[in-house]
C-alpha atoms as a PDB file:
ATOM      1  CA  MET A   1      19.637 -20.719  -6.116  1.00  0.00           C
ATOM      2  CA  LYS A   2      22.443 -23.227  -6.715  1.00  0.00           C
ATOM      3  CA  VAL A   3      23.354 -24.057 -10.319  1.00  0.00           C
ATOM      4  CA  ALA A   4      25.597 -26.741 -11.792  1.00  0.00           C
ATOM      5  CA  ILE A   5      27.272 -25.973 -15.104  1.00  0.00           C
ATOM      6  CA  ILE A   6      28.792 -28.906 -16.998  1.00  0.00           C
ATOM      7  CA  PRO A   7      31.063 -27.751 -19.848  1.00  0.00           C
ATOM      8  CA  ALA A   8      31.102 -30.259 -22.711  1.00  0.00           C
ATOM      9  CA  ARG A   9      32.272 -29.151 -26.111  1.00  0.00           C
ATOM     10  CA  GLY A  10      32.136 -31.466 -29.093  1.00  0.00           C
ATOM     11  CA  GLY A  11      35.639 -31.063 -30.477  1.00  0.00           C
ATOM     12  CA  SER A  12      37.796 -33.228 -28.212  1.00  0.00           C
ATOM     13  CA  LYS A  13      40.994 -34.076 -30.101  1.00  0.00           C
ATOM     14  CA  ARG A  14      42.931 -36.655 -28.066  1.00  0.00           C
ATOM     15  CA  ILE A  15      39.880 -38.798 -27.302  1.00  0.00           C
ATOM     16  CA  PRO A  16      37.285 -38.066 -30.006  1.00  0.00           C
ATOM     17  CA  ARG A  17      33.738 -37.604 -28.675  1.00  0.00           C
ATOM     18  CA  LYS A  18      34.927 -38.462 -25.164  1.00  0.00           C
ATOM     19  CA  ASN A  19      32.107 -36.567 -23.440  1.00  0.00           C
ATOM     20  CA  ILE A  20      29.521 -38.995 -24.825  1.00  0.00           C
ATOM     21  CA  ARG A  21      31.648 -42.101 -25.362  1.00  0.00           C
ATOM     22  CA  ASP A  22      30.309 -45.123 -23.490  1.00  0.00           C
ATOM     23  CA  PHE A  23      31.806 -45.539 -20.026  1.00  0.00           C
ATOM     24  CA  ALA A  24      30.574 -48.238 -17.669  1.00  0.00           C
ATOM     25  CA  GLY A  25      27.365 -48.673 -19.618  1.00  0.00           C
ATOM     26  CA  LYS A  26      26.338 -45.068 -20.281  1.00  0.00           C
ATOM     27  CA  PRO A  27      27.667 -41.910 -21.954  1.00  0.00           C
ATOM     28  CA  MET A  28      30.525 -40.389 -19.965  1.00  0.00           C
ATOM     29  CA  ILE A  29      28.676 -37.129 -19.323  1.00  0.00           C
ATOM     30  CA  ALA A  30      25.735 -39.047 -17.837  1.00  0.00           C
ATOM     31  CA  HIS A  31      27.793 -39.883 -14.734  1.00  0.00           C
ATOM     32  CA  SER A  32      28.333 -36.191 -13.976  1.00  0.00           C
ATOM     33  CA  ILE A  33      24.718 -35.276 -14.669  1.00  0.00           C
ATOM     34  CA  GLU A  34      23.363 -38.065 -12.486  1.00  0.00           C
ATOM     35  CA  CYS A  35      25.671 -37.265  -9.571  1.00  0.00           C
ATOM     36  CA  ALA A  36      24.777 -33.578  -9.762  1.00  0.00           C
ATOM     37  CA  ARG A  37      21.089 -34.440  -9.599  1.00  0.00           C
ATOM     38  CA  GLN A  38      21.543 -37.051  -6.863  1.00  0.00           C
ATOM     39  CA  SER A  39      23.453 -34.585  -4.693  1.00  0.00           C
ATOM     40  CA  GLY A  40      20.169 -32.778  -4.051  1.00  0.00           C
ATOM     41  CA  VAL A  41      21.826 -29.373  -3.776  1.00  0.00           C
ATOM     42  CA  PHE A  42      21.136 -27.959  -7.241  1.00  0.00           C
ATOM     43  CA  ASP A  43      18.085 -26.090  -8.446  1.00  0.00           C
ATOM     44  CA  ARG A  44      19.292 -26.408 -12.034  1.00  0.00           C
ATOM     45  CA  VAL A  45      21.791 -28.646 -13.820  1.00  0.00           C
ATOM     46  CA  ILE A  46      22.889 -27.066 -17.100  1.00  0.00           C
ATOM     47  CA  VAL A  47      25.175 -28.393 -19.820  1.00  0.00           C
ATOM     48  CA  SER A  48      27.135 -25.800 -21.806  1.00  0.00           C
ATOM     49  CA  THR A  49      27.861 -27.268 -25.222  1.00  0.00           C
ATOM     50  CA  ASP A  50      28.259 -26.368 -28.863  1.00  0.00           C
ATOM     51  CA  ASP A  51      27.310 -29.872 -29.994  1.00  0.00           C
ATOM     52  CA  ALA A  52      23.764 -31.011 -30.859  1.00  0.00           C
ATOM     53  CA  GLU A  53      24.370 -34.687 -30.011  1.00  0.00           C
ATOM     54  CA  ILE A  54      25.865 -33.844 -26.624  1.00  0.00           C
ATOM     55  CA  GLY A  55      22.877 -31.614 -26.002  1.00  0.00           C
ATOM     56  CA  ARG A  56      20.404 -34.355 -26.893  1.00  0.00           C
ATOM     57  CA  ILE A  57      22.073 -36.956 -24.676  1.00  0.00           C
ATOM     58  CA  SER A  58      22.372 -34.477 -21.809  1.00  0.00           C
ATOM     59  CA  ARG A  59      18.641 -33.813 -21.923  1.00  0.00           C
ATOM     60  CA  GLU A  60      17.940 -37.557 -21.941  1.00  0.00           C
ATOM     61  CA  TYR A  61      19.765 -37.839 -18.614  1.00  0.00           C
ATOM     62  CA  GLY A  62      17.943 -34.929 -17.031  1.00  0.00           C
ATOM     63  CA  ALA A  63      20.102 -31.854 -17.677  1.00  0.00           C
ATOM     64  CA  GLU A  64      19.020 -28.578 -19.226  1.00  0.00           C
ATOM     65  CA  VAL A  65      20.659 -27.318 -22.399  1.00  0.00           C
ATOM     66  CA  PRO A  66      19.060 -23.883 -22.644  1.00  0.00           C
ATOM     67  CA  PHE A  67      21.613 -22.299 -24.978  1.00  0.00           C
ATOM     68  CA  VAL A  68      24.221 -23.198 -27.578  1.00  0.00           C
ATOM     69  CA  ARG A  69      27.692 -22.275 -26.456  1.00  0.00           C
ATOM     70  CA  PRO A  70      29.222 -19.637 -28.783  1.00  0.00           C
ATOM     71  CA  GLN A  71      31.884 -20.909 -31.170  1.00  0.00           C
ATOM     72  CA  ALA A  72      34.295 -18.353 -29.733  1.00  0.00           C
ATOM     73  CA  LEU A  73      34.155 -20.329 -26.474  1.00  0.00           C
ATOM     74  CA  SER A  74      34.412 -23.769 -28.057  1.00  0.00           C
ATOM     75  CA  ASP A  75      37.973 -24.091 -29.303  1.00  0.00           C
ATOM     76  CA  ASP A  76      41.033 -25.806 -27.837  1.00  0.00           C
ATOM     77  CA  HIS A  77      42.261 -22.625 -26.165  1.00  0.00           C
ATOM     78  CA  THR A  78      39.132 -21.604 -24.271  1.00  0.00           C
ATOM     79  CA  GLY A  79      39.542 -21.820 -20.513  1.00  0.00           C
ATOM     80  CA  THR A  80      36.969 -23.313 -18.172  1.00  0.00           C
ATOM     81  CA  THR A  81      36.568 -20.027 -16.288  1.00  0.00           C
ATOM     82  CA  ASP A  82      35.422 -18.233 -19.444  1.00  0.00           C
ATOM     83  CA  VAL A  83      32.841 -20.937 -20.151  1.00  0.00           C
ATOM     84  CA  ILE A  84      31.395 -20.781 -16.631  1.00  0.00           C
ATOM     85  CA  ALA A  85      31.454 -16.978 -16.682  1.00  0.00           C
ATOM     86  CA  HIS A  86      29.472 -17.032 -19.928  1.00  0.00           C
ATOM     87  CA  ALA A  87      26.848 -19.375 -18.464  1.00  0.00           C
ATOM     88  CA  THR A  88      26.619 -17.312 -15.265  1.00  0.00           C
ATOM     89  CA  ALA A  89      26.149 -14.087 -17.234  1.00  0.00           C
ATOM     90  CA  TRP A  90      23.536 -15.794 -19.435  1.00  0.00           C
ATOM     91  CA  LEU A  91      21.536 -16.733 -16.343  1.00  0.00           C
ATOM     92  CA  GLN A  92      21.770 -13.277 -14.808  1.00  0.00           C
ATOM     93  CA  GLU A  93      20.692 -11.605 -18.042  1.00  0.00           C
ATOM     94  CA  ARG A  94      17.489 -13.665 -17.873  1.00  0.00           C
ATOM     95  CA  GLY A  95      16.654 -12.818 -14.296  1.00  0.00           C
ATOM     96  CA  THR A  96      18.263 -15.783 -12.537  1.00  0.00           C
ATOM     97  CA  ASN A  97      20.748 -14.777  -9.872  1.00  0.00           C
ATOM     98  CA  PRO A  98      22.412 -17.884  -8.442  1.00  0.00           C
ATOM     99  CA  SER A  99      24.047 -17.647  -5.040  1.00  0.00           C
ATOM    100  CA  ALA A 100      26.573 -20.326  -6.019  1.00  0.00           C
ATOM    101  CA  VAL A 101      27.679 -21.835  -9.314  1.00  0.00           C
ATOM    102  CA  CYS A 102      29.404 -25.218  -9.520  1.00  0.00           C
ATOM    103  CA  CYS A 103      31.429 -26.254 -12.542  1.00  0.00           C
ATOM    104  CA  ILE A 104      31.347 -30.047 -12.887  1.00  0.00           C
ATOM    105  CA  TYR A 105      33.534 -31.653 -15.519  1.00  0.00           C
ATOM    106  CA  ALA A 106      31.846 -33.989 -17.986  1.00  0.00           C
ATOM    107  CA  THR A 107      34.668 -36.514 -17.599  1.00  0.00           C
ATOM    108  CA  ALA A 108      34.486 -37.089 -13.842  1.00  0.00           C
ATOM    109  CA  PRO A 109      32.977 -40.590 -13.498  1.00  0.00           C
ATOM    110  CA  PHE A 110      34.098 -41.058  -9.877  1.00  0.00           C
ATOM    111  CA  ILE A 111      32.642 -37.852  -8.496  1.00  0.00           C
ATOM    112  CA  LEU A 112      30.516 -38.376  -5.361  1.00  0.00           C
ATOM    113  CA  PRO A 113      27.359 -36.478  -4.375  1.00  0.00           C
ATOM    114  CA  ALA A 114      28.633 -36.222  -0.801  1.00  0.00           C
ATOM    115  CA  ALA A 115      31.772 -34.375  -1.918  1.00  0.00           C
ATOM    116  CA  ILE A 116      29.681 -31.915  -3.934  1.00  0.00           C
ATOM    117  CA  GLY A 117      27.538 -31.226  -0.866  1.00  0.00           C
ATOM    118  CA  GLN A 118      30.595 -30.844   1.334  1.00  0.00           C
ATOM    119  CA  GLY A 119      32.043 -28.295  -1.067  1.00  0.00           C
ATOM    120  CA  LEU A 120      28.864 -26.221  -0.980  1.00  0.00           C
ATOM    121  CA  GLY A 121      28.884 -26.220   2.804  1.00  0.00           C
ATOM    122  CA  MET A 122      32.456 -24.965   2.854  1.00  0.00           C
ATOM    123  CA  LEU A 123      31.675 -22.237   0.314  1.00  0.00           C
ATOM    124  CA  GLU A 124      28.672 -20.990   2.270  1.00  0.00           C
ATOM    125  CA  THR A 125      30.267 -21.000   5.716  1.00  0.00           C
ATOM    126  CA  GLY A 126      33.931 -20.276   5.095  1.00  0.00           C
ATOM    127  CA  GLY A 127      33.977 -17.003   3.189  1.00  0.00           C
ATOM    128  CA  TRP A 128      35.809 -18.591   0.252  1.00  0.00           C
ATOM    129  CA  GLN A 129      35.508 -17.548  -3.386  1.00  0.00           C
ATOM    130  CA  TYR A 130      36.045 -21.090  -4.654  1.00  0.00           C
ATOM    131  CA  VAL A 131      35.963 -24.611  -3.201  1.00  0.00           C
ATOM    132  CA  PHE A 132      37.061 -27.513  -5.363  1.00  0.00           C
ATOM    133  CA  ALA A 133      38.108 -31.169  -5.164  1.00  0.00           C
ATOM    134  CA  ALA A 134      41.789 -31.988  -4.695  1.00  0.00           C
ATOM    135  CA  THR A 135      44.001 -34.842  -3.613  1.00  0.00           C
ATOM    136  CA  ALA A 136      47.618 -35.372  -2.566  1.00  0.00           C
ATOM    137  CA  PHE A 137      50.366 -36.267  -5.013  1.00  0.00           C
ATOM    138  CA  GLU A 138      51.293 -39.928  -4.741  1.00  0.00           C
ATOM    139  CA  SER A 139      55.036 -39.158  -4.577  1.00  0.00           C
ATOM    140  CA  PRO A 140      56.822 -36.180  -2.998  1.00  0.00           C
ATOM    141  CA  VAL A 141      57.051 -33.482  -5.663  1.00  0.00           C
ATOM    142  CA  PHE A 142      60.083 -31.904  -3.967  1.00  0.00           C
ATOM    143  CA  ARG A 143      62.167 -34.921  -5.006  1.00  0.00           C
ATOM    144  CA  SER A 144      61.010 -34.811  -8.632  1.00  0.00           C
ATOM    145  CA  PHE A 145      63.288 -34.380 -11.621  1.00  0.00           C
ATOM    146  CA  HIS A 146      63.132 -33.928 -15.370  1.00  0.00           C
ATOM    147  CA  MET A 147      65.290 -34.964 -18.300  1.00  0.00           C
ATOM    148  CA  ASN A 148      67.313 -32.220 -19.970  1.00  0.00           C
ATOM    149  CA  ARG A 149      68.175 -31.919 -23.658  1.00  0.00           C
ATOM    150  CA  ASP A 150      71.246 -34.121 -23.247  1.00  0.00           C
ATOM    151  CA  GLY A 151      69.260 -36.922 -21.641  1.00  0.00           C
ATOM    152  CA  GLY A 152      70.629 -36.204 -18.184  1.00  0.00           C
ATOM    153  CA  LEU A 153      68.519 -35.614 -15.102  1.00  0.00           C
ATOM    154  CA  GLU A 154      67.972 -32.364 -13.222  1.00  0.00           C
ATOM    155  CA  MET A 155      66.081 -32.082  -9.966  1.00  0.00           C
ATOM    156  CA  LEU A 156      63.390 -29.435  -9.809  1.00  0.00           C
ATOM    157  CA  PHE A 157      64.246 -28.825  -6.153  1.00  0.00           C
ATOM    158  CA  PRO A 158      67.920 -29.868  -5.769  1.00  0.00           C
ATOM    159  CA  GLU A 159      68.001 -28.480  -2.237  1.00  0.00           C
ATOM    160  CA  HIS A 160      65.880 -31.448  -1.182  1.00  0.00           C
ATOM    161  CA  PHE A 161      68.123 -34.211  -2.523  1.00  0.00           C
ATOM    162  CA  ASN A 162      69.001 -35.317   0.998  1.00  0.00           C
ATOM    163  CA  SER A 163      65.576 -34.626   2.519  1.00  0.00           C
ATOM    164  CA  ARG A 164      63.556 -37.520   3.871  1.00  0.00           C
ATOM    165  CA  SER A 165      60.160 -37.980   2.251  1.00  0.00           C
ATOM    166  CA  GLN A 166      58.394 -37.769   5.609  1.00  0.00           C
ATOM    167  CA  ASP A 167      60.008 -34.384   6.271  1.00  0.00           C
ATOM    168  CA  LEU A 168      58.712 -32.805   3.067  1.00  0.00           C
ATOM    169  CA  ARG A 169      55.569 -30.707   2.949  1.00  0.00           C
ATOM    170  CA  GLU A 170      52.491 -32.402   1.481  1.00  0.00           C
ATOM    171  CA  VAL A 171      51.462 -31.009  -1.895  1.00  0.00           C
ATOM    172  CA  LEU A 172      47.992 -31.252  -3.430  1.00  0.00           C
ATOM    173  CA  HIS A 173      46.737 -31.216  -6.997  1.00  0.00           C
ATOM    174  CA  ASP A 174      43.422 -30.493  -8.669  1.00  0.00           C
ATOM    175  CA  ALA A 175      41.175 -33.556  -8.943  1.00  0.00           C
ATOM    176  CA  ALA A 176      39.467 -32.255 -12.126  1.00  0.00           C
ATOM    177  CA  GLN A 177      35.974 -32.974 -10.785  1.00  0.00           C
ATOM    178  CA  PHE A 178      34.049 -29.972  -9.464  1.00  0.00           C
ATOM    179  CA  TYR A 179      34.605 -26.296  -8.641  1.00  0.00           C
ATOM    180  CA  TRP A 180      32.144 -24.362  -6.519  1.00  0.00           C
ATOM    181  CA  GLY A 181      32.405 -20.619  -6.966  1.00  0.00           C
ATOM    182  CA  ARG A 182      30.593 -17.447  -6.117  1.00  0.00           C
ATOM    183  CA  PRO A 183      29.043 -15.835  -9.215  1.00  0.00           C
ATOM    184  CA  GLU A 184      31.180 -12.719  -8.828  1.00  0.00           C
ATOM    185  CA  ALA A 185      34.327 -14.861  -8.737  1.00  0.00           C
ATOM    186  CA  TRP A 186      33.464 -16.551 -12.027  1.00  0.00           C
ATOM    187  CA  LEU A 187      32.405 -13.283 -13.678  1.00  0.00           C
ATOM    188  CA  SER A 188      35.588 -11.472 -12.630  1.00  0.00           C
ATOM    189  CA  ARG A 189      37.686 -14.446 -13.817  1.00  0.00           C
ATOM    190  CA  ALA A 190      39.298 -14.699 -10.367  1.00  0.00           C
ATOM    191  CA  ARG A 191      42.023 -17.333 -10.348  1.00  0.00           C
ATOM    192  CA  VAL A 192      40.904 -20.621  -8.817  1.00  0.00           C
ATOM    193  CA  PHE A 193      44.273 -21.682  -7.408  1.00  0.00           C
ATOM    194  CA  ASP A 194      44.771 -18.835  -4.971  1.00  0.00           C
ATOM    195  CA  ARG A 195      44.460 -17.752  -1.331  1.00  0.00           C
ATOM    196  CA  HIS A 196      40.725 -17.135  -1.626  1.00  0.00           C
ATOM    197  CA  SER A 197      40.138 -20.829  -2.426  1.00  0.00           C
ATOM    198  CA  THR A 198      40.119 -24.038  -0.408  1.00  0.00           C
ATOM    199  CA  VAL A 199      39.573 -27.701  -1.203  1.00  0.00           C
ATOM    200  CA  VAL A 200      37.561 -30.789  -0.433  1.00  0.00           C
ATOM    201  CA  ARG A 201      40.119 -33.545   0.126  1.00  0.00           C
ATOM    202  CA  ILE A 202      39.294 -36.765  -1.698  1.00  0.00           C
ATOM    203  CA  PRO A 203      41.248 -40.048  -1.855  1.00  0.00           C
ATOM    204  CA  ARG A 204      43.683 -40.684  -4.692  1.00  0.00           C
ATOM    205  CA  TRP A 205      41.812 -43.751  -5.977  1.00  0.00           C
ATOM    206  CA  GLN A 206      38.832 -41.502  -6.709  1.00  0.00           C
ATOM    207  CA  VAL A 207      40.819 -39.223  -9.019  1.00  0.00           C
ATOM    208  CA  GLN A 208      41.412 -39.930 -12.696  1.00  0.00           C
ATOM    209  CA  ASP A 209      41.909 -37.149 -15.198  1.00  0.00           C
ATOM    210  CA  ILE A 210      40.893 -38.449 -18.624  1.00  0.00           C
ATOM    211  CA  ASP A 211      42.872 -36.872 -21.458  1.00  0.00           C
ATOM    212  CA  THR A 212      44.416 -39.877 -23.237  1.00  0.00           C
ATOM    213  CA  GLU A 213      43.429 -43.421 -24.156  1.00  0.00           C
ATOM    214  CA  GLU A 214      45.700 -44.653 -21.366  1.00  0.00           C
ATOM    215  CA  ASP A 215      43.789 -42.465 -18.893  1.00  0.00           C
ATOM    216  CA  TRP A 216      40.516 -43.879 -20.202  1.00  0.00           C
ATOM    217  CA  LEU A 217      41.704 -47.464 -19.835  1.00  0.00           C
ATOM    218  CA  ARG A 218      42.850 -46.868 -16.276  1.00  0.00           C
ATOM    219  CA  ALA A 219      39.489 -45.310 -15.427  1.00  0.00           C
ATOM    220  CA  GLU A 220      37.722 -48.359 -16.840  1.00  0.00           C
ATOM    221  CA  PHE A 221      39.820 -50.630 -14.626  1.00  0.00           C
ATOM    222  CA  ILE A 222      38.879 -48.549 -11.581  1.00  0.00           C
ATOM    223  CA  ALA A 223      35.203 -48.675 -12.553  1.00  0.00           C
ATOM    224  CA  MET A 224      35.334 -52.463 -12.978  1.00  0.00           C
ATOM    225  CA  TYR A 225      36.966 -52.861  -9.575  1.00  0.00           C
ATOM    226  CA  LEU A 226      34.366 -50.685  -7.871  1.00  0.00           C
ATOM    227  CA  LYS A 227      31.604 -52.687  -9.516  1.00  0.00           C
ATOM    228  CA  THR A 228      33.244 -55.936  -8.400  1.00  0.00           C
ATOM    229  CA  VAL A 229      33.409 -54.881  -4.756  1.00  0.00           C
ATOM    230  CA  GLY A 230      29.879 -53.556  -4.892  1.00  0.00           C
ATOM    231  CA  ARG A 231      30.691 -49.911  -4.379  1.00  0.00           C
ATOM    232  CA  SER A 232      28.540 -47.593  -6.469  1.00  0.00           C
ATOM    233  CA  LYS A 233      30.187 -44.262  -6.971  1.00  0.00           C
ATOM    234  CA  CYS A 234      27.036 -42.156  -7.264  1.00  0.00           C
ATOM    235  CA  ALA A 235      24.912 -44.039  -4.752  1.00  0.00           C
ATOM    236  CA  ASP A 236      27.747 -43.937  -2.236  1.00  0.00           C
ATOM    237  CA  ASN A 237      27.348 -41.244   0.405  1.00  0.00           C
ATOM    238  CA  GLY A 238      31.068 -41.187   0.970  1.00  0.00           C
ATOM    239  CA  THR A 239      30.716 -43.038   4.286  1.00  0.00           C
ATOM    240  CA  LYS A 240      32.009 -46.466   3.336  1.00  0.00           C
END
């Protein structure tokens, strides 16, 4: 059995109610639910929430909300791994033993069913504990710098000041979309970013973490562009 778990608590601070705020004509979480269902790989799509309104909307779009997430797992400091571990344990305690559990973020409007399916294939055939979506940094991180207390600049990797960009190693970052994992990996709280994990590479235009109003606005611009060119993110098989 393959299970999708979508964590969606009600207490978002920087963008209030962002999990159910309207995005491209429907609640934000609806995009994740619909893509999970359209992928065709899940036996169950479950939303883990502490919020009654999120639960109601999630059910309207076809997800299960079979439990209320405990308050101890609903504050600003709760990690995603703990939430997925709780849902996995809840399933096992009731006689459901999934072979793979996929965390899908509620704020991932550009997630594609094909990428979800690709991740499952890699998990099942590659011996990995986790497989998740990632993309390359737009600029070389080895030439990055920060501003110190005096307002001056300090390179994070000063040894690469004279390095050419094309000579630097490519570096990836989490796309904040989906994370396939084996149940035992979630339950043991194994670290996702480690040697036992690999990634599904996705293009940079498809990645937009949504934590601020600026992030939200940028995502809306991307959504409008995709609509203009006639490219549907959930109906797309990833072949265009």
